[in-house]
Amino acid sequence: MTLRLSSADCALATIALCGALLFGAQIMEHRFAMEPCPMCLMQRLWIFAAALVAYVGLAHNPRWGIYPLLTIIAALIGGWVSARHLWLQSLPADQVPSCGPPVDYMIENFSLLDTLGSMFLGTGDCAQVDDFLGLSLPLWALLGFAALIALAALQWRLQLAAHQPDSRPQP
């Protein structure tokens, strides 16, 4: 028996992985009282964006190659935020940027560009190291983004293979 994956299967797996990542983040925030920093929120936003693109692609036309490409772009941006978050955590204490106000305060009182800038580039709050199973949370997010990229690339490859004519000789 051969297992045949389709483009839709990869899109469903992408949505499921994003759901699991976001569910885990909510559990950590609400059950274990781990307040997310601005970069953590930005990573959640890009995970949600990847899920939304995969869902729209599945609902619209799972055979279109633009949806896996957009999922890869969302995961690359989220992966960049995760990598920067890891870099901030690796800085010595005297080189960490100053801590900023909470995100809800920034949204109410700062311009959109200032708020997004601190969410992308991080504040001193982002240098705090919280871990789960021995790995820091941004590393878990980076691994999740890498898995999303792999799933979207597989989806894209399956779409291309489905549109290629079969080159084997017919009996």
C-alpha atoms as a PDB file:
ATOM      1  CA  MET A   1       0.000   0.000   0.000  1.00  0.00           C
ATOM      2  CA  THR A   2       1.420   3.349  -1.035  1.00  0.00           C
ATOM      3  CA  LEU A   3       0.733   6.569   0.794  1.00  0.00           C
ATOM      4  CA  ARG A   4      -0.028   9.335  -1.697  1.00  0.00           C
ATOM      5  CA  LEU A   5       0.075  12.870  -0.376  1.00  0.00           C
ATOM      6  CA  SER A   6      -1.793  15.621  -2.118  1.00  0.00           C
ATOM      7  CA  SER A   7      -1.406  19.365  -2.073  1.00  0.00           C
ATOM      8  CA  ALA A   8      -4.531  19.599   0.075  1.00  0.00           C
ATOM      9  CA  ASP A   9      -3.012  17.185   2.611  1.00  0.00           C
ATOM     10  CA  CYS A  10       0.003  19.465   2.991  1.00  0.00           C
ATOM     11  CA  ALA A  11      -2.238  22.508   3.411  1.00  0.00           C
ATOM     12  CA  LEU A  12      -4.203  20.683   6.115  1.00  0.00           C
ATOM     13  CA  ALA A  13      -0.966  19.683   7.850  1.00  0.00           C
ATOM     14  CA  THR A  14       0.188  23.314   7.710  1.00  0.00           C
ATOM     15  CA  ILE A  15      -3.058  24.489   9.306  1.00  0.00           C
ATOM     16  CA  ALA A  16      -2.813  21.765  11.974  1.00  0.00           C
ATOM     17  CA  LEU A  17       0.805  22.653  12.806  1.00  0.00           C
ATOM     18  CA  CYS A  18      -0.054  26.352  13.065  1.00  0.00           C
ATOM     19  CA  GLY A  19      -3.002  25.490  15.297  1.00  0.00           C
ATOM     20  CA  ALA A  20      -0.789  23.376  17.549  1.00  0.00           C
ATOM     21  CA  LEU A  21       1.829  26.141  17.806  1.00  0.00           C
ATOM     22  CA  LEU A  22      -0.765  28.798  18.604  1.00  0.00           C
ATOM     23  CA  PHE A  23      -2.527  26.508  21.078  1.00  0.00           C
ATOM     24  CA  GLY A  24       0.771  25.865  22.858  1.00  0.00           C
ATOM     25  CA  ALA A  25       1.442  29.598  23.032  1.00  0.00           C
ATOM     26  CA  GLN A  26      -1.978  30.212  24.552  1.00  0.00           C
ATOM     27  CA  ILE A  27      -1.457  27.452  27.117  1.00  0.00           C
ATOM     28  CA  MET A  28       1.881  28.951  28.133  1.00  0.00           C
ATOM     29  CA  GLU A  29       0.404  32.423  28.393  1.00  0.00           C
ATOM     30  CA  HIS A  30      -2.806  31.639  30.247  1.00  0.00           C
ATOM     31  CA  ARG A  31      -2.046  28.435  32.169  1.00  0.00           C
ATOM     32  CA  PHE A  32       1.584  29.073  33.090  1.00  0.00           C
ATOM     33  CA  ALA A  33       1.305  32.892  33.290  1.00  0.00           C
ATOM     34  CA  MET A  34       4.128  33.504  30.794  1.00  0.00           C
ATOM     35  CA  GLU A  35       3.429  37.041  29.563  1.00  0.00           C
ATOM     36  CA  PRO A  36       4.425  37.289  25.877  1.00  0.00           C
ATOM     37  CA  CYS A  37       6.935  39.937  24.844  1.00  0.00           C
ATOM     38  CA  PRO A  38       6.396  42.037  21.685  1.00  0.00           C
ATOM     39  CA  MET A  39       8.482  39.662  19.550  1.00  0.00           C
ATOM     40  CA  CYS A  40       6.528  36.650  20.832  1.00  0.00           C
ATOM     41  CA  LEU A  41       3.337  38.351  19.706  1.00  0.00           C
ATOM     42  CA  MET A  42       4.879  39.097  16.316  1.00  0.00           C
ATOM     43  CA  GLN A  43       5.854  35.425  15.919  1.00  0.00           C
ATOM     44  CA  ARG A  44       2.290  34.400  16.740  1.00  0.00           C
ATOM     45  CA  LEU A  45       1.041  36.851  14.123  1.00  0.00           C
ATOM     46  CA  TRP A  46       3.225  35.266  11.416  1.00  0.00           C
ATOM     47  CA  ILE A  47       2.165  31.748  12.449  1.00  0.00           C
ATOM     48  CA  PHE A  48      -1.439  32.894  12.124  1.00  0.00           C
ATOM     49  CA  ALA A  49      -0.664  34.494   8.739  1.00  0.00           C
ATOM     50  CA  ALA A  50       0.812  31.199   7.471  1.00  0.00           C
ATOM     51  CA  ALA A  51      -2.289  29.323   8.653  1.00  0.00           C
ATOM     52  CA  LEU A  52      -4.599  31.879   7.072  1.00  0.00           C
ATOM     53  CA  VAL A  53      -2.805  31.665   3.720  1.00  0.00           C
ATOM     54  CA  ALA A  54      -2.940  27.853   3.794  1.00  0.00           C
ATOM     55  CA  TYR A  55      -6.644  27.961   4.676  1.00  0.00           C
ATOM     56  CA  VAL A  56      -7.473  30.454   1.905  1.00  0.00           C
ATOM     57  CA  GLY A  57      -5.484  28.332  -0.543  1.00  0.00           C
ATOM     58  CA  LEU A  58      -7.347  25.224   0.526  1.00  0.00           C
ATOM     59  CA  ALA A  59     -10.728  26.941   0.294  1.00  0.00           C
ATOM     60  CA  HIS A  60      -9.978  28.712  -2.992  1.00  0.00           C
ATOM     61  CA  ASN A  61      -7.875  26.335  -5.061  1.00  0.00           C
ATOM     62  CA  PRO A  62      -5.299  24.026  -3.463  1.00  0.00           C
ATOM     63  CA  ARG A  63      -3.630  23.475  -6.838  1.00  0.00           C
ATOM     64  CA  TRP A  64      -2.466  27.098  -7.206  1.00  0.00           C
ATOM     65  CA  GLY A  65       1.225  27.543  -6.528  1.00  0.00           C
ATOM     66  CA  ILE A  66       0.906  31.050  -5.102  1.00  0.00           C
ATOM     67  CA  TYR A  67      -0.457  29.853  -1.757  1.00  0.00           C
ATOM     68  CA  PRO A  68       2.531  27.691  -0.764  1.00  0.00           C
ATOM     69  CA  LEU A  69       4.797  30.537  -1.857  1.00  0.00           C
ATOM     70  CA  LEU A  70       2.921  32.998   0.384  1.00  0.00           C
ATOM     71  CA  THR A  71       3.078  30.482   3.248  1.00  0.00           C
ATOM     72  CA  ILE A  72       6.846  30.239   2.774  1.00  0.00           C
ATOM     73  CA  ILE A  73       7.156  34.041   2.804  1.00  0.00           C
ATOM     74  CA  ALA A  74       5.116  34.313   6.026  1.00  0.00           C
ATOM     75  CA  ALA A  75       7.214  31.565   7.637  1.00  0.00           C
ATOM     76  CA  LEU A  76      10.471  33.207   6.512  1.00  0.00           C
ATOM     77  CA  ILE A  77       9.456  36.534   8.048  1.00  0.00           C
ATOM     78  CA  GLY A  78       8.375  34.787  11.255  1.00  0.00           C
ATOM     79  CA  GLY A  79      11.615  32.800  11.252  1.00  0.00           C
ATOM     80  CA  TRP A  80      13.591  36.046  10.946  1.00  0.00           C
ATOM     81  CA  VAL A  81      11.746  37.437  13.983  1.00  0.00           C
ATOM     82  CA  SER A  82      12.520  34.213  15.888  1.00  0.00           C
ATOM     83  CA  ALA A  83      16.199  34.358  14.913  1.00  0.00           C
ATOM     84  CA  ARG A  84      16.425  37.993  16.021  1.00  0.00           C
ATOM     85  CA  HIS A  85      14.701  37.048  19.271  1.00  0.00           C
ATOM     86  CA  LEU A  86      17.313  34.334  19.843  1.00  0.00           C
ATOM     87  CA  TRP A  87      20.059  36.858  19.102  1.00  0.00           C
ATOM     88  CA  LEU A  88      18.630  39.282  21.679  1.00  0.00           C
ATOM     89  CA  GLN A  89      18.581  36.479  24.241  1.00  0.00           C
ATOM     90  CA  SER A  90      22.241  35.713  23.551  1.00  0.00           C
ATOM     91  CA  LEU A  91      23.423  39.270  24.247  1.00  0.00           C
ATOM     92  CA  PRO A  92      25.308  40.027  27.469  1.00  0.00           C
ATOM     93  CA  ALA A  93      23.172  41.796  30.079  1.00  0.00           C
ATOM     94  CA  ASP A  94      24.913  45.142  29.559  1.00  0.00           C
ATOM     95  CA  GLN A  95      24.147  45.164  25.799  1.00  0.00           C
ATOM     96  CA  VAL A  96      20.427  44.340  25.999  1.00  0.00           C
ATOM     97  CA  PRO A  97      18.188  47.207  24.817  1.00  0.00           C
ATOM     98  CA  SER A  98      16.067  48.923  27.419  1.00  0.00           C
ATOM     99  CA  CYS A  99      12.774  47.348  28.361  1.00  0.00           C
ATOM    100  CA  GLY A 100       9.749  48.892  26.762  1.00  0.00           C
ATOM    101  CA  PRO A 101       6.200  49.441  27.904  1.00  0.00           C
ATOM    102  CA  PRO A 102       3.605  46.675  27.512  1.00  0.00           C
ATOM    103  CA  VAL A 103       2.233  46.134  24.024  1.00  0.00           C
ATOM    104  CA  ASP A 104      -1.289  47.264  24.900  1.00  0.00           C
ATOM    105  CA  TYR A 105       0.144  50.571  26.160  1.00  0.00           C
ATOM    106  CA  MET A 106       2.179  50.952  22.957  1.00  0.00           C
ATOM    107  CA  ILE A 107      -0.889  50.317  20.806  1.00  0.00           C
ATOM    108  CA  GLU A 108      -2.885  52.956  22.686  1.00  0.00           C
ATOM    109  CA  ASN A 109      -0.193  55.645  22.932  1.00  0.00           C
ATOM    110  CA  PHE A 110       2.422  55.110  20.219  1.00  0.00           C
ATOM    111  CA  SER A 111       2.165  55.395  16.470  1.00  0.00           C
ATOM    112  CA  LEU A 112       1.635  52.211  14.480  1.00  0.00           C
ATOM    113  CA  LEU A 113       5.176  52.381  13.080  1.00  0.00           C
ATOM    114  CA  ASP A 114       6.745  52.712  16.554  1.00  0.00           C
ATOM    115  CA  THR A 115       4.674  49.819  17.870  1.00  0.00           C
ATOM    116  CA  LEU A 116       5.516  47.573  14.896  1.00  0.00           C
ATOM    117  CA  GLY A 117       9.182  48.568  15.140  1.00  0.00           C
ATOM    118  CA  SER A 118       9.424  47.422  18.738  1.00  0.00           C
ATOM    119  CA  MET A 119       7.528  44.239  17.874  1.00  0.00           C
ATOM    120  CA  PHE A 120       9.933  43.428  15.015  1.00  0.00           C
ATOM    121  CA  LEU A 121      13.191  44.573  16.602  1.00  0.00           C
ATOM    122  CA  GLY A 122      12.419  43.738  20.211  1.00  0.00           C
ATOM    123  CA  THR A 123      12.862  45.368  23.569  1.00  0.00           C
ATOM    124  CA  GLY A 124      14.645  44.367  26.739  1.00  0.00           C
ATOM    125  CA  ASP A 125      11.605  42.283  27.646  1.00  0.00           C
ATOM    126  CA  CYS A 126      12.493  39.998  24.745  1.00  0.00           C
ATOM    127  CA  ALA A 127      15.908  39.164  26.220  1.00  0.00           C
ATOM    128  CA  GLN A 128      14.347  37.184  29.063  1.00  0.00           C
ATOM    129  CA  VAL A 129      14.925  33.479  28.474  1.00  0.00           C
ATOM    130  CA  ASP A 130      11.929  31.212  29.053  1.00  0.00           C
ATOM    131  CA  ASP A 131      12.318  27.604  28.064  1.00  0.00           C
ATOM    132  CA  PHE A 132      10.221  24.534  27.449  1.00  0.00           C
ATOM    133  CA  LEU A 133      11.766  21.056  27.471  1.00  0.00           C
ATOM    134  CA  GLY A 134      15.243  22.597  27.580  1.00  0.00           C
ATOM    135  CA  LEU A 135      14.852  24.818  24.510  1.00  0.00           C
ATOM    136  CA  SER A 136      14.038  28.520  24.522  1.00  0.00           C
ATOM    137  CA  LEU A 137      10.619  29.507  23.226  1.00  0.00           C
ATOM    138  CA  PRO A 138      11.984  31.459  20.220  1.00  0.00           C
ATOM    139  CA  LEU A 139      13.947  28.345  19.235  1.00  0.00           C
ATOM    140  CA  TRP A 140      10.728  26.319  19.356  1.00  0.00           C
ATOM    141  CA  ALA A 141       9.100  28.973  17.174  1.00  0.00           C
ATOM    142  CA  LEU A 142      12.042  28.871  14.744  1.00  0.00           C
ATOM    143  CA  LEU A 143      11.731  25.082  14.504  1.00  0.00           C
ATOM    144  CA  GLY A 144       8.001  25.524  13.867  1.00  0.00           C
ATOM    145  CA  PHE A 145       8.680  28.025  11.102  1.00  0.00           C
ATOM    146  CA  ALA A 146      11.220  25.633   9.559  1.00  0.00           C
ATOM    147  CA  ALA A 147       8.588  22.878   9.598  1.00  0.00           C
ATOM    148  CA  LEU A 148       6.072  25.249   7.973  1.00  0.00           C
ATOM    149  CA  ILE A 149       8.579  26.061   5.231  1.00  0.00           C
ATOM    150  CA  ALA A 150       9.199  22.338   4.653  1.00  0.00           C
ATOM    151  CA  LEU A 151       5.462  21.608   4.449  1.00  0.00           C
ATOM    152  CA  ALA A 152       4.828  24.494   2.053  1.00  0.00           C
ATOM    153  CA  ALA A 153       7.787  23.447  -0.118  1.00  0.00           C
ATOM    154  CA  LEU A 154       6.425  19.887  -0.208  1.00  0.00           C
ATOM    155  CA  GLN A 155       2.995  21.250  -1.126  1.00  0.00           C
ATOM    156  CA  TRP A 156       4.531  23.309  -3.914  1.00  0.00           C
ATOM    157  CA  ARG A 157       6.492  20.280  -5.192  1.00  0.00           C
ATOM    158  CA  LEU A 158       3.370  18.124  -5.165  1.00  0.00           C
ATOM    159  CA  GLN A 159       1.513  20.796  -7.122  1.00  0.00           C
ATOM    160  CA  LEU A 160       4.260  20.945  -9.724  1.00  0.00           C
ATOM    161  CA  ALA A 161       4.373  17.155  -9.980  1.00  0.00           C
ATOM    162  CA  ALA A 162       0.601  17.008 -10.447  1.00  0.00           C
ATOM    163  CA  HIS A 163       0.833  19.376 -13.413  1.00  0.00           C
ATOM    164  CA  GLN A 164       3.736  17.570 -15.110  1.00  0.00           C
ATOM    165  CA  PRO A 165       2.815  15.089 -17.815  1.00  0.00           C
ATOM    166  CA  ASP A 166       3.789  11.526 -17.017  1.00  0.00           C
ATOM    167  CA  SER A 167       7.026  10.854 -18.915  1.00  0.00           C
ATOM    168  CA  ARG A 168       6.959   7.083 -18.507  1.00  0.00           C
ATOM    169  CA  PRO A 169       6.207   5.124 -21.662  1.00  0.00           C
ATOM    170  CA  GLN A 170       2.685   3.765 -21.807  1.00  0.00           C
ATOM    171  CA  PRO A 171       2.277   0.010 -22.475  1.00  0.00           C
END
